Each structure stands twice: as C-alpha cells, then as structure tokens.
Amino acid sequence: MADTHTKPKIKEVIVVEGKDDVSALRKAVEADILITTGLGLTPKKIEEIKALAERRGVIVFTDPDFPGGKIRHILKDKVPSCKHAYITKEEGRCPKTGKLGVEYASPEAILRALNAAKAEQQQYNIIYDLNDLVQWGLAGLPDSAQRRAALCDRLSIGHCNAKQLVKKLNSYQISREEIEAML
C-alpha cells in the first residue's frame, strides 16, 4: 500500500479510541481520524459515524482489548457497513507496561492491519476555503456559530468551528449543491 517515501492517503475515515491512537496512525498513513473517546459513543457520535460511512466509508481501528471489542461490537450493530482493522495483542502490547493499544503498534503493523481491512487510497481535492463560509454566512457574522451548528446537525458531521468545518467539508467531499440546499 505504501512506498518508502510517502505515506498512503486513506480514503475512509478511521475511527479510533483516543488521541494517542491518532499519533500512531499518523506515523503510518495520512487519514482523517475520528476519536470515540473510548466507550463514549453517544447517539450523536454514532450518527456522525453513520454519515461518514455513507459518504466516505469508515474503518474501525480499536485496541485489541475488551473495551476495543465492545466499541467494535456496537459499531458493527449500528453501522454494519464499517470495515474493521485489527492488530494482534502482540503488535499492540507496550513492552514496558504490558498495556494493550493501537498507540503501541508499529507503523508496519498499522499498515498490515489497514491492508487486511481493504483500506482504499485516495487523493481528494480541496474545494472549500474560509471565503466560502463567509459567503454562506457561516463565518464572520454574529450568528455564524448558530448557522454552522445548524448545518453541522443537518449534515450529521458533529459541531465544529469555521476552520474545522472547512476541513470536514473538504475531507467528506460534501457537494456545494448539498450545502447550499441545507442553508
């Protein structure tokens, strides 16, 4: 999946448990990553994952332990279209503490797991910038935060500030027509 000079860009959004997992994944691949904060899978977070699964696809990449398995089970039930990447307990074991986690896996183990999950590589185009948000009244106005929140709810992409919204609109490849229809 990767050559020795560049990290592959993964099409799907990768769902992990925590920020340390994000750091480990960033050493192996370029990807948009969503953090569940462990078992903190709220109905709103599950709706966001469902919307992402429809738009770009989702790869669940949780720790090889009981909580990680529980998160997988919930997402398999609520979002059956998700792909799943697995590391072995040996690949995810911290040599110093014996703890298990994606954050302890090597870039090679992460790439192996993503390959096994049939992760797709993709380059996406940057379509939107902050000027688009200003034009739509989603930035620069007194009620911009409320307007952004309403749009984010309609798109099921989670609430975000203007900079985060630009990133999500680009990475989720939401069409201009879809955005404008919801405004």
N, C-alpha and C. Protein backbone atom coordinates (compact mmCIF):
# COMPACT_ATOMS: atom_id res chain seq x y z
N MET A 1 0.82 -1.19 0.00
CA MET A 1 0.00 0.00 0.00
C MET A 1 0.87 1.26 0.00
N ALA A 2 2.04 1.22 0.60
CA ALA A 2 2.88 2.42 0.67
C ALA A 2 4.24 2.16 0.05
N ASP A 3 4.80 3.20 -0.54
CA ASP A 3 6.19 3.07 -0.95
C ASP A 3 7.05 3.65 0.16
N THR A 4 8.35 3.64 0.00
CA THR A 4 9.22 4.02 1.10
C THR A 4 9.30 5.53 1.31
N HIS A 5 8.74 6.33 0.40
CA HIS A 5 8.90 7.78 0.51
C HIS A 5 7.65 8.49 1.00
N THR A 6 6.50 7.98 0.69
CA THR A 6 5.28 8.68 1.06
C THR A 6 4.35 7.76 1.83
N LYS A 7 3.59 8.38 2.72
CA LYS A 7 2.58 7.63 3.46
C LYS A 7 1.32 7.59 2.61
N PRO A 8 0.63 6.47 2.59
CA PRO A 8 -0.61 6.41 1.81
C PRO A 8 -1.69 7.30 2.42
N LYS A 9 -2.50 7.88 1.57
CA LYS A 9 -3.66 8.67 1.99
C LYS A 9 -4.86 7.73 1.95
N ILE A 10 -5.47 7.51 3.08
CA ILE A 10 -6.58 6.58 3.18
C ILE A 10 -7.89 7.29 2.88
N LYS A 11 -8.69 6.71 2.02
CA LYS A 11 -9.98 7.29 1.63
C LYS A 11 -10.96 7.31 2.79
N GLU A 12 -11.07 6.17 3.47
CA GLU A 12 -12.04 6.06 4.54
C GLU A 12 -11.60 6.86 5.77
N VAL A 13 -12.57 7.21 6.60
CA VAL A 13 -12.27 7.84 7.87
C VAL A 13 -11.99 6.71 8.86
N ILE A 14 -10.92 6.85 9.63
CA ILE A 14 -10.55 5.81 10.59
C ILE A 14 -11.06 6.22 11.98
N VAL A 15 -11.78 5.31 12.61
CA VAL A 15 -12.34 5.56 13.94
C VAL A 15 -11.46 4.88 14.97
N VAL A 16 -10.94 5.66 15.93
CA VAL A 16 -10.07 5.15 16.98
C VAL A 16 -10.63 5.56 18.35
N GLU A 17 -10.00 5.03 19.40
CA GLU A 17 -10.48 5.31 20.75
C GLU A 17 -9.94 6.60 21.35
N GLY A 18 -8.68 6.96 21.06
CA GLY A 18 -8.11 8.12 21.73
C GLY A 18 -7.04 8.83 20.94
N LYS A 19 -6.59 9.96 21.47
CA LYS A 19 -5.64 10.81 20.75
C LYS A 19 -4.27 10.16 20.57
N ASP A 20 -3.88 9.26 21.49
CA ASP A 20 -2.60 8.56 21.31
C ASP A 20 -2.66 7.63 20.10
N ASP A 21 -3.83 7.08 19.82
CA ASP A 21 -4.02 6.23 18.63
C ASP A 21 -3.82 7.07 17.37
N VAL A 22 -4.30 8.31 17.40
CA VAL A 22 -4.14 9.21 16.25
C VAL A 22 -2.65 9.41 15.95
N SER A 23 -1.86 9.64 16.99
CA SER A 23 -0.41 9.84 16.81
C SER A 23 0.24 8.62 16.15
N ALA A 24 -0.14 7.43 16.59
CA ALA A 24 0.42 6.21 16.00
C ALA A 24 0.02 6.07 14.54
N LEU A 25 -1.24 6.34 14.23
CA LEU A 25 -1.71 6.23 12.84
C LEU A 25 -1.02 7.24 11.93
N ARG A 26 -0.80 8.45 12.44
CA ARG A 26 -0.17 9.50 11.63
C ARG A 26 1.27 9.13 11.24
N LYS A 27 1.91 8.25 12.00
CA LYS A 27 3.26 7.80 11.64
C LYS A 27 3.22 6.85 10.45
N ALA A 28 2.06 6.23 10.20
CA ALA A 28 1.95 5.22 9.15
C ALA A 28 1.21 5.70 7.91
N VAL A 29 0.17 6.53 8.11
CA VAL A 29 -0.70 6.92 6.99
C VAL A 29 -1.16 8.36 7.15
N GLU A 30 -1.64 8.92 6.04
CA GLU A 30 -2.38 10.17 6.08
C GLU A 30 -3.84 9.77 6.05
N ALA A 31 -4.61 10.26 7.01
CA ALA A 31 -6.02 9.87 7.08
C ALA A 31 -6.79 10.87 7.92
N ASP A 32 -8.07 10.93 7.67
CA ASP A 32 -8.96 11.66 8.56
C ASP A 32 -9.36 10.68 9.64
N ILE A 33 -9.23 11.11 10.89
CA ILE A 33 -9.41 10.21 12.02
C ILE A 33 -10.44 10.79 12.97
N LEU A 34 -11.36 9.96 13.41
CA LEU A 34 -12.39 10.35 14.36
C LEU A 34 -12.14 9.60 15.66
N ILE A 35 -12.15 10.33 16.77
CA ILE A 35 -11.89 9.74 18.08
C ILE A 35 -13.22 9.49 18.80
N THR A 36 -13.40 8.28 19.32
CA THR A 36 -14.63 7.96 20.08
C THR A 36 -14.50 8.33 21.54
N THR A 37 -13.32 8.64 22.02
CA THR A 37 -13.01 8.81 23.44
C THR A 37 -13.45 7.58 24.22
N GLY A 38 -12.89 6.46 23.82
CA GLY A 38 -13.18 5.19 24.48
C GLY A 38 -14.62 4.76 24.25
N LEU A 39 -15.25 4.35 25.32
CA LEU A 39 -16.64 3.88 25.21
C LEU A 39 -17.63 5.04 25.18
N GLY A 40 -17.15 6.27 24.98
CA GLY A 40 -18.03 7.43 24.93
C GLY A 40 -18.76 7.57 23.60
N LEU A 41 -19.36 6.49 23.14
CA LEU A 41 -20.09 6.50 21.87
C LEU A 41 -21.51 7.00 22.11
N THR A 42 -21.68 8.30 22.00
CA THR A 42 -23.01 8.88 22.18
C THR A 42 -23.85 8.64 20.93
N PRO A 43 -25.17 8.73 21.04
CA PRO A 43 -26.00 8.62 19.84
C PRO A 43 -25.58 9.61 18.76
N LYS A 44 -25.17 10.82 19.15
CA LYS A 44 -24.74 11.83 18.18
C LYS A 44 -23.46 11.38 17.46
N LYS A 45 -22.51 10.78 18.20
CA LYS A 45 -21.26 10.29 17.61
C LYS A 45 -21.55 9.14 16.65
N ILE A 46 -22.48 8.27 17.03
CA ILE A 46 -22.86 7.15 16.15
C ILE A 46 -23.50 7.68 14.87
N GLU A 47 -24.33 8.72 14.98
CA GLU A 47 -24.93 9.34 13.77
C GLU A 47 -23.85 9.92 12.87
N GLU A 48 -22.83 10.54 13.47
CA GLU A 48 -21.72 11.10 12.68
C GLU A 48 -20.99 9.98 11.96
N ILE A 49 -20.76 8.86 12.64
CA ILE A 49 -20.07 7.72 12.03
C ILE A 49 -20.91 7.14 10.90
N LYS A 50 -22.24 7.05 11.10
CA LYS A 50 -23.14 6.57 10.02
C LYS A 50 -23.04 7.47 8.79
N ALA A 51 -23.07 8.78 9.01
CA ALA A 51 -22.98 9.72 7.88
C ALA A 51 -21.63 9.58 7.16
N LEU A 52 -20.56 9.42 7.92
CA LEU A 52 -19.24 9.23 7.32
C LEU A 52 -19.18 7.92 6.54
N ALA A 53 -19.79 6.88 7.07
CA ALA A 53 -19.79 5.58 6.39
C ALA A 53 -20.48 5.70 5.03
N GLU A 54 -21.55 6.48 4.96
CA GLU A 54 -22.27 6.66 3.69
C GLU A 54 -21.45 7.49 2.70
N ARG A 55 -20.78 8.53 3.19
CA ARG A 55 -20.05 9.45 2.32
C ARG A 55 -18.70 8.92 1.87
N ARG A 56 -17.90 8.42 2.80
CA ARG A 56 -16.51 8.07 2.50
C ARG A 56 -16.13 6.66 2.89
N GLY A 57 -16.91 6.06 3.75
CA GLY A 57 -16.52 4.78 4.32
C GLY A 57 -15.81 5.00 5.64
N VAL A 58 -15.87 3.99 6.49
CA VAL A 58 -15.27 4.08 7.82
C VAL A 58 -14.51 2.79 8.09
N ILE A 59 -13.34 2.93 8.71
CA ILE A 59 -12.58 1.78 9.19
C ILE A 59 -12.49 1.91 10.71
N VAL A 60 -13.00 0.92 11.41
CA VAL A 60 -12.91 0.91 12.87
C VAL A 60 -11.57 0.27 13.23
N PHE A 61 -10.77 0.99 14.03
CA PHE A 61 -9.43 0.52 14.39
C PHE A 61 -9.27 0.71 15.90
N THR A 62 -9.77 -0.25 16.67
CA THR A 62 -9.76 -0.14 18.12
C THR A 62 -8.70 -1.06 18.73
N ASP A 63 -8.46 -0.85 20.01
CA ASP A 63 -7.46 -1.62 20.74
C ASP A 63 -7.85 -3.10 20.81
N PRO A 64 -6.84 -3.99 20.87
CA PRO A 64 -7.12 -5.44 20.96
C PRO A 64 -7.42 -5.87 22.41
N ASP A 65 -8.38 -5.18 23.02
CA ASP A 65 -8.74 -5.49 24.41
C ASP A 65 -10.27 -5.48 24.54
N PHE A 66 -10.78 -5.68 25.75
CA PHE A 66 -12.23 -5.76 25.95
C PHE A 66 -12.96 -4.47 25.55
N PRO A 67 -12.54 -3.27 26.02
CA PRO A 67 -13.24 -2.06 25.60
C PRO A 67 -13.21 -1.86 24.08
N GLY A 68 -12.05 -2.15 23.45
CA GLY A 68 -11.96 -2.03 21.99
C GLY A 68 -12.94 -2.97 21.30
N GLY A 69 -13.05 -4.18 21.82
CA GLY A 69 -14.00 -5.15 21.26
C GLY A 69 -15.44 -4.70 21.45
N LYS A 70 -15.72 -4.08 22.57
CA LYS A 70 -17.08 -3.60 22.84
C LYS A 70 -17.45 -2.48 21.86
N ILE A 71 -16.52 -1.57 21.62
CA ILE A 71 -16.77 -0.49 20.65
C ILE A 71 -17.04 -1.08 19.27
N ARG A 72 -16.21 -2.04 18.86
CA ARG A 72 -16.41 -2.72 17.57
C ARG A 72 -17.80 -3.33 17.48
N HIS A 73 -18.20 -4.02 18.55
CA HIS A 73 -19.50 -4.69 18.58
C HIS A 73 -20.64 -3.68 18.40
N ILE A 74 -20.54 -2.56 19.11
CA ILE A 74 -21.57 -1.51 18.99
C ILE A 74 -21.62 -0.98 17.56
N LEU A 75 -20.44 -0.70 16.99
CA LEU A 75 -20.42 -0.13 15.64
C LEU A 75 -20.82 -1.16 14.58
N LYS A 76 -20.48 -2.43 14.77
CA LYS A 76 -20.93 -3.47 13.83
C LYS A 76 -22.45 -3.52 13.81
N ASP A 77 -23.06 -3.35 14.98
CA ASP A 77 -24.52 -3.38 15.09
C ASP A 77 -25.16 -2.12 14.50
N LYS A 78 -24.63 -0.95 14.85
CA LYS A 78 -25.25 0.33 14.46
C LYS A 78 -24.84 0.80 13.06
N VAL A 79 -23.63 0.43 12.62
CA VAL A 79 -23.11 0.87 11.31
C VAL A 79 -22.47 -0.33 10.63
N PRO A 80 -23.31 -1.27 10.12
CA PRO A 80 -22.77 -2.52 9.59
C PRO A 80 -21.84 -2.38 8.38
N SER A 81 -21.87 -1.24 7.71
CA SER A 81 -21.02 -1.07 6.52
C SER A 81 -19.56 -0.76 6.86
N CYS A 82 -19.24 -0.54 8.13
CA CYS A 82 -17.86 -0.24 8.52
C CYS A 82 -16.92 -1.40 8.20
N LYS A 83 -15.70 -1.04 7.80
CA LYS A 83 -14.63 -2.02 7.69
C LYS A 83 -13.95 -2.07 9.06
N HIS A 84 -13.20 -3.13 9.31
CA HIS A 84 -12.53 -3.27 10.60
C HIS A 84 -11.07 -3.64 10.40
N ALA A 85 -10.18 -2.88 11.05
CA ALA A 85 -8.74 -3.15 11.03
C ALA A 85 -8.37 -3.70 12.41
N TYR A 86 -7.60 -4.78 12.41
CA TYR A 86 -7.21 -5.44 13.65
C TYR A 86 -5.71 -5.55 13.76
N ILE A 87 -5.20 -5.27 14.96
CA ILE A 87 -3.82 -5.62 15.27
C ILE A 87 -3.89 -6.75 16.29
N THR A 88 -2.85 -7.56 16.34
CA THR A 88 -2.81 -8.63 17.33
C THR A 88 -2.43 -8.04 18.69
N LYS A 89 -2.65 -8.82 19.73
CA LYS A 89 -2.26 -8.37 21.07
C LYS A 89 -0.75 -8.15 21.12
N GLU A 90 0.01 -9.00 20.43
CA GLU A 90 1.46 -8.83 20.41
C GLU A 90 1.86 -7.52 19.73
N GLU A 91 1.19 -7.19 18.62
CA GLU A 91 1.50 -5.95 17.90
C GLU A 91 1.12 -4.71 18.71
N GLY A 92 0.12 -4.84 19.56
CA GLY A 92 -0.38 -3.69 20.31
C GLY A 92 0.03 -3.66 21.77
N ARG A 93 1.02 -4.47 22.15
CA ARG A 93 1.43 -4.52 23.55
C ARG A 93 2.60 -3.57 23.81
N CYS A 94 2.49 -2.76 24.85
CA CYS A 94 3.58 -1.88 25.26
C CYS A 94 4.64 -2.73 25.94
N PRO A 95 5.89 -2.69 25.45
CA PRO A 95 6.93 -3.54 26.05
C PRO A 95 7.24 -3.19 27.51
N LYS A 96 7.03 -1.94 27.89
CA LYS A 96 7.37 -1.51 29.25
C LYS A 96 6.27 -1.85 30.25
N THR A 97 5.00 -1.62 29.87
CA THR A 97 3.91 -1.76 30.84
C THR A 97 3.04 -2.99 30.61
N GLY A 98 3.10 -3.54 29.39
CA GLY A 98 2.24 -4.67 29.06
C GLY A 98 0.83 -4.25 28.65
N LYS A 99 0.55 -2.94 28.70
CA LYS A 99 -0.77 -2.46 28.29
C LYS A 99 -0.97 -2.70 26.80
N LEU A 100 -2.26 -2.81 26.40
CA LEU A 100 -2.60 -3.03 25.00
C LEU A 100 -3.17 -1.75 24.40
N GLY A 101 -2.82 -1.48 23.15
CA GLY A 101 -3.41 -0.33 22.47
C GLY A 101 -2.85 -0.12 21.08
N VAL A 102 -3.66 0.48 20.23
CA VAL A 102 -3.22 0.85 18.89
C VAL A 102 -2.01 1.79 18.99
N GLU A 103 -1.98 2.62 20.04
CA GLU A 103 -0.89 3.59 20.17
C GLU A 103 0.48 2.94 20.31
N TYR A 104 0.54 1.65 20.66
CA TYR A 104 1.83 0.95 20.81
C TYR A 104 2.24 0.19 19.54
N ALA A 105 1.36 0.15 18.55
CA ALA A 105 1.64 -0.60 17.33
C ALA A 105 2.65 0.14 16.44
N SER A 106 3.46 -0.62 15.75
CA SER A 106 4.43 -0.03 14.82
C SER A 106 3.71 0.42 13.55
N PRO A 107 4.32 1.35 12.81
CA PRO A 107 3.72 1.74 11.53
C PRO A 107 3.51 0.53 10.60
N GLU A 108 4.42 -0.43 10.65
CA GLU A 108 4.28 -1.63 9.80
C GLU A 108 3.05 -2.44 10.20
N ALA A 109 2.81 -2.58 11.51
CA ALA A 109 1.64 -3.32 11.98
C ALA A 109 0.35 -2.59 11.60
N ILE A 110 0.38 -1.27 11.69
CA ILE A 110 -0.80 -0.46 11.31
C ILE A 110 -1.08 -0.62 9.82
N LEU A 111 -0.04 -0.54 8.99
CA LEU A 111 -0.23 -0.72 7.54
C LEU A 111 -0.74 -2.12 7.21
N ARG A 112 -0.21 -3.14 7.89
CA ARG A 112 -0.68 -4.51 7.67
C ARG A 112 -2.17 -4.61 7.99
N ALA A 113 -2.58 -4.04 9.12
CA ALA A 113 -3.98 -4.11 9.54
C ALA A 113 -4.89 -3.37 8.56
N LEU A 114 -4.45 -2.20 8.09
CA LEU A 114 -5.26 -1.43 7.12
C LEU A 114 -5.33 -2.14 5.78
N ASN A 115 -4.23 -2.75 5.36
CA ASN A 115 -4.26 -3.55 4.12
C ASN A 115 -5.25 -4.70 4.25
N ALA A 116 -5.21 -5.38 5.39
CA ALA A 116 -6.12 -6.52 5.61
C ALA A 116 -7.58 -6.06 5.64
N ALA A 117 -7.82 -4.82 6.07
CA ALA A 117 -9.18 -4.27 6.12
C ALA A 117 -9.62 -3.74 4.75
N LYS A 118 -8.73 -3.85 3.76
CA LYS A 118 -9.00 -3.37 2.40
C LYS A 118 -9.19 -1.85 2.36
N ALA A 119 -8.34 -1.13 3.09
CA ALA A 119 -8.36 0.33 3.06
C ALA A 119 -8.07 0.79 1.64
N GLU A 120 -8.77 1.84 1.21
CA GLU A 120 -8.58 2.38 -0.13
C GLU A 120 -7.76 3.66 -0.05
N GLN A 121 -6.87 3.84 -1.03
CA GLN A 121 -6.11 5.08 -1.10
C GLN A 121 -6.87 6.08 -1.95
N GLN A 122 -6.77 7.34 -1.57
CA GLN A 122 -7.46 8.37 -2.34
C GLN A 122 -6.81 9.72 -2.13
N GLN A 123 -6.81 10.50 -3.15
CA GLN A 123 -6.48 11.91 -3.03
C GLN A 123 -7.79 12.66 -3.27
N TYR A 124 -8.08 13.60 -2.40
CA TYR A 124 -9.28 14.38 -2.65
C TYR A 124 -8.89 15.82 -2.90
N ASN A 125 -9.75 16.50 -3.62
CA ASN A 125 -9.48 17.88 -3.98
C ASN A 125 -9.95 18.82 -2.88
N ILE A 126 -9.20 19.89 -2.68
CA ILE A 126 -9.61 20.94 -1.76
C ILE A 126 -10.58 21.82 -2.54
N ILE A 127 -11.82 21.82 -2.11
CA ILE A 127 -12.88 22.55 -2.82
C ILE A 127 -13.22 23.85 -2.11
N TYR A 128 -13.22 23.81 -0.78
CA TYR A 128 -13.71 24.93 0.02
C TYR A 128 -12.59 25.59 0.80
N ASP A 129 -12.79 26.89 1.08
CA ASP A 129 -11.90 27.59 2.00
C ASP A 129 -12.76 28.53 2.85
N LEU A 130 -12.12 29.30 3.71
CA LEU A 130 -12.84 30.16 4.63
C LEU A 130 -13.73 31.18 3.90
N ASN A 131 -13.31 31.60 2.70
CA ASN A 131 -14.13 32.55 1.93
C ASN A 131 -15.52 31.99 1.62
N ASP A 132 -15.59 30.68 1.37
CA ASP A 132 -16.90 30.06 1.12
C ASP A 132 -17.80 30.19 2.35
N LEU A 133 -17.21 29.95 3.53
CA LEU A 133 -18.00 30.05 4.76
C LEU A 133 -18.49 31.47 4.98
N VAL A 134 -17.63 32.47 4.70
CA VAL A 134 -18.04 33.87 4.84
C VAL A 134 -19.19 34.16 3.88
N GLN A 135 -19.06 33.69 2.64
CA GLN A 135 -20.10 33.90 1.62
C GLN A 135 -21.44 33.30 2.06
N TRP A 136 -21.39 32.15 2.72
CA TRP A 136 -22.62 31.48 3.16
C TRP A 136 -23.10 31.98 4.52
N GLY A 137 -22.38 32.91 5.14
CA GLY A 137 -22.77 33.41 6.46
C GLY A 137 -22.43 32.45 7.58
N LEU A 138 -21.49 31.54 7.33
CA LEU A 138 -21.10 30.56 8.34
C LEU A 138 -19.84 31.00 9.10
N ALA A 139 -19.32 32.15 8.74
CA ALA A 139 -18.16 32.73 9.43
C ALA A 139 -18.25 34.25 9.27
N GLY A 140 -17.79 34.97 10.29
CA GLY A 140 -17.71 36.42 10.20
C GLY A 140 -18.94 37.20 10.59
N LEU A 141 -20.01 36.54 10.95
CA LEU A 141 -21.24 37.23 11.37
C LEU A 141 -21.56 36.88 12.82
N PRO A 142 -22.34 37.74 13.49
CA PRO A 142 -22.68 37.44 14.89
C PRO A 142 -23.39 36.10 15.09
N ASP A 143 -24.18 35.68 14.10
CA ASP A 143 -24.92 34.41 14.25
C ASP A 143 -24.27 33.25 13.49
N SER A 144 -23.01 33.43 13.06
CA SER A 144 -22.33 32.38 12.28
C SER A 144 -22.23 31.06 13.04
N ALA A 145 -21.93 31.11 14.33
CA ALA A 145 -21.78 29.88 15.12
C ALA A 145 -23.09 29.09 15.13
N GLN A 146 -24.21 29.80 15.27
CA GLN A 146 -25.52 29.12 15.26
C GLN A 146 -25.80 28.53 13.88
N ARG A 147 -25.48 29.27 12.85
CA ARG A 147 -25.72 28.78 11.48
C ARG A 147 -24.84 27.55 11.18
N ARG A 148 -23.57 27.60 11.64
CA ARG A 148 -22.68 26.44 11.46
C ARG A 148 -23.23 25.23 12.21
N ALA A 149 -23.67 25.46 13.44
CA ALA A 149 -24.21 24.35 14.25
C ALA A 149 -25.41 23.71 13.56
N ALA A 150 -26.29 24.53 13.00
CA ALA A 150 -27.47 24.01 12.30
C ALA A 150 -27.06 23.19 11.07
N LEU A 151 -26.10 23.71 10.30
CA LEU A 151 -25.64 22.97 9.12
C LEU A 151 -24.96 21.67 9.53
N CYS A 152 -24.12 21.71 10.54
CA CYS A 152 -23.44 20.50 11.01
C CYS A 152 -24.45 19.46 11.47
N ASP A 153 -25.50 19.88 12.15
CA ASP A 153 -26.56 18.95 12.56
C ASP A 153 -27.22 18.32 11.35
N ARG A 154 -27.57 19.13 10.36
CA ARG A 154 -28.23 18.60 9.15
C ARG A 154 -27.33 17.62 8.39
N LEU A 155 -26.02 17.89 8.39
CA LEU A 155 -25.07 17.03 7.69
C LEU A 155 -24.60 15.85 8.56
N SER A 156 -24.95 15.87 9.85
CA SER A 156 -24.51 14.84 10.81
C SER A 156 -22.99 14.70 10.83
N ILE A 157 -22.30 15.84 10.94
CA ILE A 157 -20.83 15.81 10.94
C ILE A 157 -20.24 16.31 12.25
N GLY A 158 -21.05 16.51 13.27
CA GLY A 158 -20.54 16.98 14.55
C GLY A 158 -20.27 18.47 14.52
N HIS A 159 -20.50 19.16 15.62
CA HIS A 159 -20.30 20.61 15.68
C HIS A 159 -18.83 20.95 15.55
N CYS A 160 -18.55 22.10 14.90
CA CYS A 160 -17.17 22.50 14.73
C CYS A 160 -17.06 23.99 14.50
N ASN A 161 -15.87 24.52 14.71
CA ASN A 161 -15.62 25.93 14.42
C ASN A 161 -15.42 26.07 12.90
N ALA A 162 -15.20 27.30 12.44
CA ALA A 162 -15.11 27.56 11.00
C ALA A 162 -13.96 26.78 10.34
N LYS A 163 -12.79 26.80 10.97
CA LYS A 163 -11.63 26.10 10.40
C LYS A 163 -11.89 24.60 10.30
N GLN A 164 -12.47 24.02 11.35
CA GLN A 164 -12.79 22.59 11.34
C GLN A 164 -13.85 22.28 10.28
N LEU A 165 -14.82 23.18 10.11
CA LEU A 165 -15.87 22.95 9.12
C LEU A 165 -15.30 22.92 7.71
N VAL A 166 -14.39 23.83 7.40
CA VAL A 166 -13.74 23.81 6.07
C VAL A 166 -13.07 22.46 5.85
N LYS A 167 -12.33 21.99 6.85
CA LYS A 167 -11.63 20.71 6.73
C LYS A 167 -12.62 19.57 6.51
N LYS A 168 -13.71 19.53 7.30
CA LYS A 168 -14.69 18.45 7.16
C LYS A 168 -15.41 18.50 5.81
N LEU A 169 -15.79 19.70 5.36
CA LEU A 169 -16.48 19.80 4.06
C LEU A 169 -15.59 19.27 2.95
N ASN A 170 -14.29 19.58 3.01
CA ASN A 170 -13.35 19.08 2.01
C ASN A 170 -13.10 17.59 2.16
N SER A 171 -12.80 17.14 3.36
CA SER A 171 -12.44 15.73 3.53
C SER A 171 -13.62 14.81 3.33
N TYR A 172 -14.83 15.26 3.68
CA TYR A 172 -16.01 14.42 3.48
C TYR A 172 -16.58 14.57 2.06
N GLN A 173 -15.97 15.49 1.28
CA GLN A 173 -16.37 15.71 -0.11
C GLN A 173 -17.87 15.96 -0.24
N ILE A 174 -18.36 16.88 0.58
CA ILE A 174 -19.78 17.26 0.54
C ILE A 174 -19.95 18.24 -0.61
N SER A 175 -20.93 18.01 -1.43
CA SER A 175 -21.10 18.84 -2.63
C SER A 175 -21.63 20.24 -2.26
N ARG A 176 -21.24 21.20 -3.09
CA ARG A 176 -21.71 22.59 -2.93
C ARG A 176 -23.23 22.63 -2.99
N GLU A 177 -23.80 21.83 -3.88
CA GLU A 177 -25.28 21.81 -4.02
C GLU A 177 -25.93 21.33 -2.73
N GLU A 178 -25.36 20.31 -2.12
CA GLU A 178 -25.92 19.77 -0.87
C GLU A 178 -25.84 20.81 0.24
N ILE A 179 -24.72 21.50 0.33
CA ILE A 179 -24.54 22.53 1.36
C ILE A 179 -25.54 23.65 1.14
N GLU A 180 -25.60 24.16 -0.09
CA GLU A 180 -26.47 25.30 -0.37
C GLU A 180 -27.93 24.95 -0.20
N ALA A 181 -28.31 23.71 -0.48
CA ALA A 181 -29.71 23.28 -0.28
C ALA A 181 -30.07 23.28 1.21
N MET A 182 -29.09 23.03 2.06
CA MET A 182 -29.35 22.96 3.51
C MET A 182 -29.29 24.33 4.18
N LEU A 183 -28.74 25.33 3.49
CA LEU A 183 -28.61 26.66 4.12
C LEU A 183 -29.90 27.40 4.09
